[in-house]
Amino acid sequence: FTYLNLLLKSLRSTRTIYTIVAGVSFGALFYVYFFAWSFALAFTAILLMIYLMRRDYPSAKKVALTMVLGIALGAYNIWKLFSYMSTELGRQLGYFQWSSHGRQLIFSKIGAGTLGLFAVYAVRRKGDAHVPFILALILGGLAVLNQQVVTNRFVHYGHYYWYFIVPVSIVVGFYMVQSLVKNP
């Protein structure tokens, strides 16, 4: 949540320091927890695409700078992870410990409920600056939960579900409900 808070602060501010601090925070995730950086990467990439589609280039520039800085800081760990996974031992360990093969979709009831709530929120709050951020959080969770459709590897999706999708859905859901109740 620290990275999300710093990125949101960066998007609201005209000061570049917040974008740099958000990028450093994103880069630090690469050294903390695999599931944290992969969720943050999916969320950030989706947020960048949303801002580009909306032609909000100042926000897209901040998100892109944050993303590039974070990936640059985490590049060493990414390189080590992929180089290890390309060894015979890494392939064997990855096969038995990290993943299984398959392309089936995983349905998240809380994710679907949050997406439905978001549809109501987006219609009622058309001018809200938080709409792209919230949408990227929801879609980022769905993307990491279902990455096996593209990669053909299930990577302990329970970590994404219980540590990211459920808490993010609860926080974002409360925010949207509170906002809709407070100003209907």
C-alpha atoms as a PDB file:
ATOM      1  CA  PHE A   1       0.000   0.000   0.000  1.00  0.00           C
ATOM      2  CA  THR A   2       2.978   2.326   0.428  1.00  0.00           C
ATOM      3  CA  TYR A   3       3.720   2.236  -3.288  1.00  0.00           C
ATOM      4  CA  LEU A   4       0.071   2.893  -4.155  1.00  0.00           C
ATOM      5  CA  ASN A   5      -0.056   5.827  -1.753  1.00  0.00           C
ATOM      6  CA  LEU A   6       3.152   7.331  -3.151  1.00  0.00           C
ATOM      7  CA  LEU A   7       2.028   6.871  -6.754  1.00  0.00           C
ATOM      8  CA  LEU A   8      -1.302   8.537  -6.005  1.00  0.00           C
ATOM      9  CA  LYS A   9       0.537  11.392  -4.273  1.00  0.00           C
ATOM     10  CA  SER A  10       2.771  11.683  -7.347  1.00  0.00           C
ATOM     11  CA  LEU A  11      -0.246  11.918  -9.648  1.00  0.00           C
ATOM     12  CA  ARG A  12      -1.797  14.665  -7.525  1.00  0.00           C
ATOM     13  CA  SER A  13       1.365  16.746  -7.189  1.00  0.00           C
ATOM     14  CA  THR A  14       3.363  18.832  -9.616  1.00  0.00           C
ATOM     15  CA  ARG A  15       6.599  18.055  -7.758  1.00  0.00           C
ATOM     16  CA  THR A  16       8.826  15.456  -9.416  1.00  0.00           C
ATOM     17  CA  ILE A  17      10.180  14.242  -6.082  1.00  0.00           C
ATOM     18  CA  TYR A  18       6.989  12.263  -5.420  1.00  0.00           C
ATOM     19  CA  THR A  19       7.338  10.479  -8.763  1.00  0.00           C
ATOM     20  CA  ILE A  20      10.941   9.589  -7.932  1.00  0.00           C
ATOM     21  CA  VAL A  21      10.020   8.356  -4.453  1.00  0.00           C
ATOM     22  CA  ALA A  22       7.158   6.307  -5.935  1.00  0.00           C
ATOM     23  CA  GLY A  23       9.613   4.794  -8.433  1.00  0.00           C
ATOM     24  CA  VAL A  24      12.062   3.919  -5.667  1.00  0.00           C
ATOM     25  CA  SER A  25       9.240   2.352  -3.663  1.00  0.00           C
ATOM     26  CA  PHE A  26       8.216   0.322  -6.718  1.00  0.00           C
ATOM     27  CA  GLY A  27      11.823  -0.746  -7.279  1.00  0.00           C
ATOM     28  CA  ALA A  28      12.112  -1.863  -3.652  1.00  0.00           C
ATOM     29  CA  LEU A  29       9.199  -4.259  -4.162  1.00  0.00           C
ATOM     30  CA  PHE A  30      11.382  -6.347  -6.486  1.00  0.00           C
ATOM     31  CA  TYR A  31      13.539  -7.231  -3.492  1.00  0.00           C
ATOM     32  CA  VAL A  32      10.724  -7.819  -1.029  1.00  0.00           C
ATOM     33  CA  TYR A  33       8.177 -10.262  -2.416  1.00  0.00           C
ATOM     34  CA  PHE A  34       7.617 -11.787  -5.874  1.00  0.00           C
ATOM     35  CA  PHE A  35       3.861 -11.403  -5.717  1.00  0.00           C
ATOM     36  CA  ALA A  36       4.099  -7.760  -4.605  1.00  0.00           C
ATOM     37  CA  TRP A  37       6.214  -6.571  -7.514  1.00  0.00           C
ATOM     38  CA  SER A  38       4.341  -8.606 -10.097  1.00  0.00           C
ATOM     39  CA  PHE A  39       1.009  -7.175  -8.896  1.00  0.00           C
ATOM     40  CA  ALA A  40       2.469  -3.648  -8.814  1.00  0.00           C
ATOM     41  CA  LEU A  41       3.914  -4.096 -12.305  1.00  0.00           C
ATOM     42  CA  ALA A  42       0.585  -5.265 -13.739  1.00  0.00           C
ATOM     43  CA  PHE A  43      -1.276  -2.433 -11.992  1.00  0.00           C
ATOM     44  CA  THR A  44       1.223   0.203 -13.149  1.00  0.00           C
ATOM     45  CA  ALA A  45       1.215  -1.025 -16.754  1.00  0.00           C
ATOM     46  CA  ILE A  46      -2.592  -1.006 -16.845  1.00  0.00           C
ATOM     47  CA  LEU A  47      -2.694   2.468 -15.289  1.00  0.00           C
ATOM     48  CA  LEU A  48      -0.259   3.707 -17.924  1.00  0.00           C
ATOM     49  CA  MET A  49      -2.447   2.247 -20.697  1.00  0.00           C
ATOM     50  CA  ILE A  50      -5.568   3.847 -19.216  1.00  0.00           C
ATOM     51  CA  TYR A  51      -3.923   7.283 -19.089  1.00  0.00           C
ATOM     52  CA  LEU A  52      -2.629   6.890 -22.642  1.00  0.00           C
ATOM     53  CA  MET A  53      -6.092   5.895 -23.905  1.00  0.00           C
ATOM     54  CA  ARG A  54      -7.590   8.910 -22.119  1.00  0.00           C
ATOM     55  CA  ARG A  55      -4.838  11.088 -23.620  1.00  0.00           C
ATOM     56  CA  ASP A  56      -3.878  12.282 -20.148  1.00  0.00           C
ATOM     57  CA  TYR A  57      -0.227  12.618 -21.082  1.00  0.00           C
ATOM     58  CA  PRO A  58       1.018  14.415 -17.938  1.00  0.00           C
ATOM     59  CA  SER A  59      -0.289  11.577 -15.742  1.00  0.00           C
ATOM     60  CA  ALA A  60       0.967   8.961 -18.211  1.00  0.00           C
ATOM     61  CA  LYS A  61       4.409  10.558 -18.102  1.00  0.00           C
ATOM     62  CA  LYS A  62       4.509  10.329 -14.292  1.00  0.00           C
ATOM     63  CA  VAL A  63       3.382   6.702 -14.327  1.00  0.00           C
ATOM     64  CA  ALA A  64       5.897   5.830 -17.063  1.00  0.00           C
ATOM     65  CA  LEU A  65       8.731   7.504 -15.153  1.00  0.00           C
ATOM     66  CA  THR A  66       7.738   5.640 -11.997  1.00  0.00           C
ATOM     67  CA  MET A  67       7.607   2.371 -13.902  1.00  0.00           C
ATOM     68  CA  VAL A  68      10.961   2.846 -15.646  1.00  0.00           C
ATOM     69  CA  LEU A  69      12.674   3.866 -12.419  1.00  0.00           C
ATOM     70  CA  GLY A  70      11.183   0.921 -10.514  1.00  0.00           C
ATOM     71  CA  ILE A  71      12.123  -1.613 -13.186  1.00  0.00           C
ATOM     72  CA  ALA A  72      15.623  -0.147 -13.421  1.00  0.00           C
ATOM     73  CA  LEU A  73      16.066  -0.505  -9.662  1.00  0.00           C
ATOM     74  CA  GLY A  74      14.623  -4.021  -9.677  1.00  0.00           C
ATOM     75  CA  ALA A  75      16.440  -5.163 -12.836  1.00  0.00           C
ATOM     76  CA  TYR A  76      19.157  -6.991 -10.915  1.00  0.00           C
ATOM     77  CA  ASN A  77      16.663  -9.144  -9.047  1.00  0.00           C
ATOM     78  CA  ILE A  78      14.593  -9.760 -12.187  1.00  0.00           C
ATOM     79  CA  TRP A  79      17.724 -10.796 -14.072  1.00  0.00           C
ATOM     80  CA  LYS A  80      18.800 -13.131 -11.272  1.00  0.00           C
ATOM     81  CA  LEU A  81      15.321 -14.680 -11.087  1.00  0.00           C
ATOM     82  CA  PHE A  82      15.105 -15.364 -14.813  1.00  0.00           C
ATOM     83  CA  SER A  83      18.704 -16.549 -15.077  1.00  0.00           C
ATOM     84  CA  TYR A  84      18.109 -18.969 -12.187  1.00  0.00           C
ATOM     85  CA  MET A  85      14.864 -20.206 -13.732  1.00  0.00           C
ATOM     86  CA  SER A  86      16.724 -20.967 -16.987  1.00  0.00           C
ATOM     87  CA  THR A  87      19.087 -23.421 -15.243  1.00  0.00           C
ATOM     88  CA  GLU A  88      18.176 -27.087 -14.985  1.00  0.00           C
ATOM     89  CA  LEU A  89      17.874 -26.872 -11.195  1.00  0.00           C
ATOM     90  CA  GLY A  90      15.731 -23.757 -11.498  1.00  0.00           C
ATOM     91  CA  ARG A  91      13.393 -25.445 -13.988  1.00  0.00           C
ATOM     92  CA  GLN A  92      13.023 -28.480 -11.743  1.00  0.00           C
ATOM     93  CA  LEU A  93      12.483 -26.462  -8.603  1.00  0.00           C
ATOM     94  CA  GLY A  94      10.087 -24.136 -10.414  1.00  0.00           C
ATOM     95  CA  TYR A  95       8.121 -27.075 -11.696  1.00  0.00           C
ATOM     96  CA  PHE A  96       7.728 -28.723  -8.301  1.00  0.00           C
ATOM     97  CA  GLN A  97       7.544 -25.663  -6.030  1.00  0.00           C
ATOM     98  CA  TRP A  98       6.334 -22.650  -7.937  1.00  0.00           C
ATOM     99  CA  SER A  99       3.784 -23.632 -10.477  1.00  0.00           C
ATOM    100  CA  SER A 100       1.663 -26.071 -12.386  1.00  0.00           C
ATOM    101  CA  HIS A 101       0.576 -25.941 -16.009  1.00  0.00           C
ATOM    102  CA  GLY A 102      -2.830 -24.908 -17.320  1.00  0.00           C
ATOM    103  CA  ARG A 103      -4.750 -22.108 -18.982  1.00  0.00           C
ATOM    104  CA  GLN A 104      -8.085 -22.079 -17.155  1.00  0.00           C
ATOM    105  CA  LEU A 105      -9.525 -18.793 -15.943  1.00  0.00           C
ATOM    106  CA  ILE A 106      -9.852 -18.114 -12.240  1.00  0.00           C
ATOM    107  CA  PHE A 107     -13.010 -16.323 -11.197  1.00  0.00           C
ATOM    108  CA  SER A 108     -12.863 -13.969  -8.237  1.00  0.00           C
ATOM    109  CA  LYS A 109     -16.242 -13.194  -6.678  1.00  0.00           C
ATOM    110  CA  ILE A 110     -14.869 -10.275  -4.692  1.00  0.00           C
ATOM    111  CA  GLY A 111     -13.098  -8.979  -7.812  1.00  0.00           C
ATOM    112  CA  ALA A 112     -16.301  -9.263  -9.850  1.00  0.00           C
ATOM    113  CA  GLY A 113     -18.283  -7.552  -7.087  1.00  0.00           C
ATOM    114  CA  THR A 114     -15.755  -4.741  -6.889  1.00  0.00           C
ATOM    115  CA  LEU A 115     -15.835  -4.365 -10.674  1.00  0.00           C
ATOM    116  CA  GLY A 116     -19.655  -4.149 -10.530  1.00  0.00           C
ATOM    117  CA  LEU A 117     -19.459  -1.527  -7.781  1.00  0.00           C
ATOM    118  CA  PHE A 118     -16.890   0.323  -9.867  1.00  0.00           C
ATOM    119  CA  ALA A 119     -19.338   0.447 -12.816  1.00  0.00           C
ATOM    120  CA  VAL A 120     -21.873   2.220 -10.591  1.00  0.00           C
ATOM    121  CA  TYR A 121     -19.183   4.473  -9.147  1.00  0.00           C
ATOM    122  CA  ALA A 122     -17.771   5.420 -12.570  1.00  0.00           C
ATOM    123  CA  VAL A 123     -21.215   6.349 -13.906  1.00  0.00           C
ATOM    124  CA  ARG A 124     -22.071   8.416 -10.832  1.00  0.00           C
ATOM    125  CA  ARG A 125     -18.593  10.040 -10.554  1.00  0.00           C
ATOM    126  CA  LYS A 126     -17.692  10.769 -14.171  1.00  0.00           C
ATOM    127  CA  GLY A 127     -15.335  13.633 -13.343  1.00  0.00           C
ATOM    128  CA  ASP A 128     -13.564  11.928 -10.431  1.00  0.00           C
ATOM    129  CA  ALA A 129      -9.788  11.850 -10.904  1.00  0.00           C
ATOM    130  CA  HIS A 130      -9.578   8.542  -9.002  1.00  0.00           C
ATOM    131  CA  VAL A 131     -11.554   6.560 -11.593  1.00  0.00           C
ATOM    132  CA  PRO A 132      -8.498   5.474 -13.662  1.00  0.00           C
ATOM    133  CA  PHE A 133      -6.532   4.560 -10.524  1.00  0.00           C
ATOM    134  CA  ILE A 134      -9.357   2.438  -9.110  1.00  0.00           C
ATOM    135  CA  LEU A 135      -9.986   0.742 -12.456  1.00  0.00           C
ATOM    136  CA  ALA A 136      -6.279  -0.090 -12.792  1.00  0.00           C
ATOM    137  CA  LEU A 137      -6.246  -1.611  -9.291  1.00  0.00           C
ATOM    138  CA  ILE A 138      -9.202  -3.853 -10.088  1.00  0.00           C
ATOM    139  CA  LEU A 139      -7.930  -4.853 -13.538  1.00  0.00           C
ATOM    140  CA  GLY A 140      -4.400  -5.373 -12.190  1.00  0.00           C
ATOM    141  CA  GLY A 141      -5.752  -7.891  -9.705  1.00  0.00           C
ATOM    142  CA  LEU A 142      -7.683  -9.719 -12.400  1.00  0.00           C
ATOM    143  CA  ALA A 143      -4.618  -9.701 -14.674  1.00  0.00           C
ATOM    144  CA  VAL A 144      -2.255 -11.292 -12.148  1.00  0.00           C
ATOM    145  CA  LEU A 145      -4.878 -13.757 -11.015  1.00  0.00           C
ATOM    146  CA  ASN A 146      -5.334 -14.936 -14.612  1.00  0.00           C
ATOM    147  CA  GLN A 147      -1.820 -14.558 -16.020  1.00  0.00           C
ATOM    148  CA  GLN A 148      -1.740 -18.322 -16.650  1.00  0.00           C
ATOM    149  CA  VAL A 149      -4.013 -17.814 -19.665  1.00  0.00           C
ATOM    150  CA  VAL A 150      -1.004 -16.266 -21.418  1.00  0.00           C
ATOM    151  CA  THR A 151       1.915 -18.017 -19.695  1.00  0.00           C
ATOM    152  CA  ASN A 152       0.391 -21.522 -19.238  1.00  0.00           C
ATOM    153  CA  ARG A 153       1.763 -21.575 -15.658  1.00  0.00           C
ATOM    154  CA  PHE A 154      -0.233 -21.280 -12.459  1.00  0.00           C
ATOM    155  CA  VAL A 155       1.941 -19.462  -9.935  1.00  0.00           C
ATOM    156  CA  HIS A 156       0.316 -19.950  -6.509  1.00  0.00           C
ATOM    157  CA  TYR A 157      -2.599 -17.668  -7.314  1.00  0.00           C
ATOM    158  CA  GLY A 158      -3.746 -17.821  -3.679  1.00  0.00           C
ATOM    159  CA  HIS A 159      -0.993 -15.340  -2.827  1.00  0.00           C
ATOM    160  CA  TYR A 160      -2.433 -12.834  -5.276  1.00  0.00           C
ATOM    161  CA  TYR A 161      -5.949 -13.501  -4.123  1.00  0.00           C
ATOM    162  CA  TRP A 162      -5.547 -13.334  -0.348  1.00  0.00           C
ATOM    163  CA  TYR A 163      -2.706 -10.816  -0.071  1.00  0.00           C
ATOM    164  CA  PHE A 164      -3.633  -8.391  -2.839  1.00  0.00           C
ATOM    165  CA  ILE A 165      -7.037  -8.832  -4.469  1.00  0.00           C
ATOM    166  CA  VAL A 166      -9.063  -9.246  -1.282  1.00  0.00           C
ATOM    167  CA  PRO A 167      -7.433  -6.386   0.696  1.00  0.00           C
ATOM    168  CA  VAL A 168      -7.394  -4.022  -2.302  1.00  0.00           C
ATOM    169  CA  SER A 169     -11.026  -4.876  -3.115  1.00  0.00           C
ATOM    170  CA  ILE A 170     -12.063  -4.205   0.474  1.00  0.00           C
ATOM    171  CA  VAL A 171     -10.250  -0.858   0.686  1.00  0.00           C
ATOM    172  CA  VAL A 172     -11.359   0.299  -2.764  1.00  0.00           C
ATOM    173  CA  GLY A 173     -14.900  -0.975  -2.165  1.00  0.00           C
ATOM    174  CA  PHE A 174     -15.191   0.949   1.107  1.00  0.00           C
ATOM    175  CA  TYR A 175     -13.830   4.066  -0.598  1.00  0.00           C
ATOM    176  CA  MET A 176     -16.368   3.843  -3.427  1.00  0.00           C
ATOM    177  CA  VAL A 177     -19.316   3.057  -1.130  1.00  0.00           C
ATOM    178  CA  GLN A 178     -18.353   5.854   1.260  1.00  0.00           C
ATOM    179  CA  SER A 179     -18.047   8.278  -1.637  1.00  0.00           C
ATOM    180  CA  LEU A 180     -21.403   7.253  -3.118  1.00  0.00           C
ATOM    181  CA  VAL A 181     -23.213   7.418   0.244  1.00  0.00           C
ATOM    182  CA  LYS A 182     -21.612  10.709   1.245  1.00  0.00           C
ATOM    183  CA  ASN A 183     -22.421  12.458  -2.056  1.00  0.00           C
ATOM    184  CA  PRO A 184     -25.127  10.473  -3.884  1.00  0.00           C
END
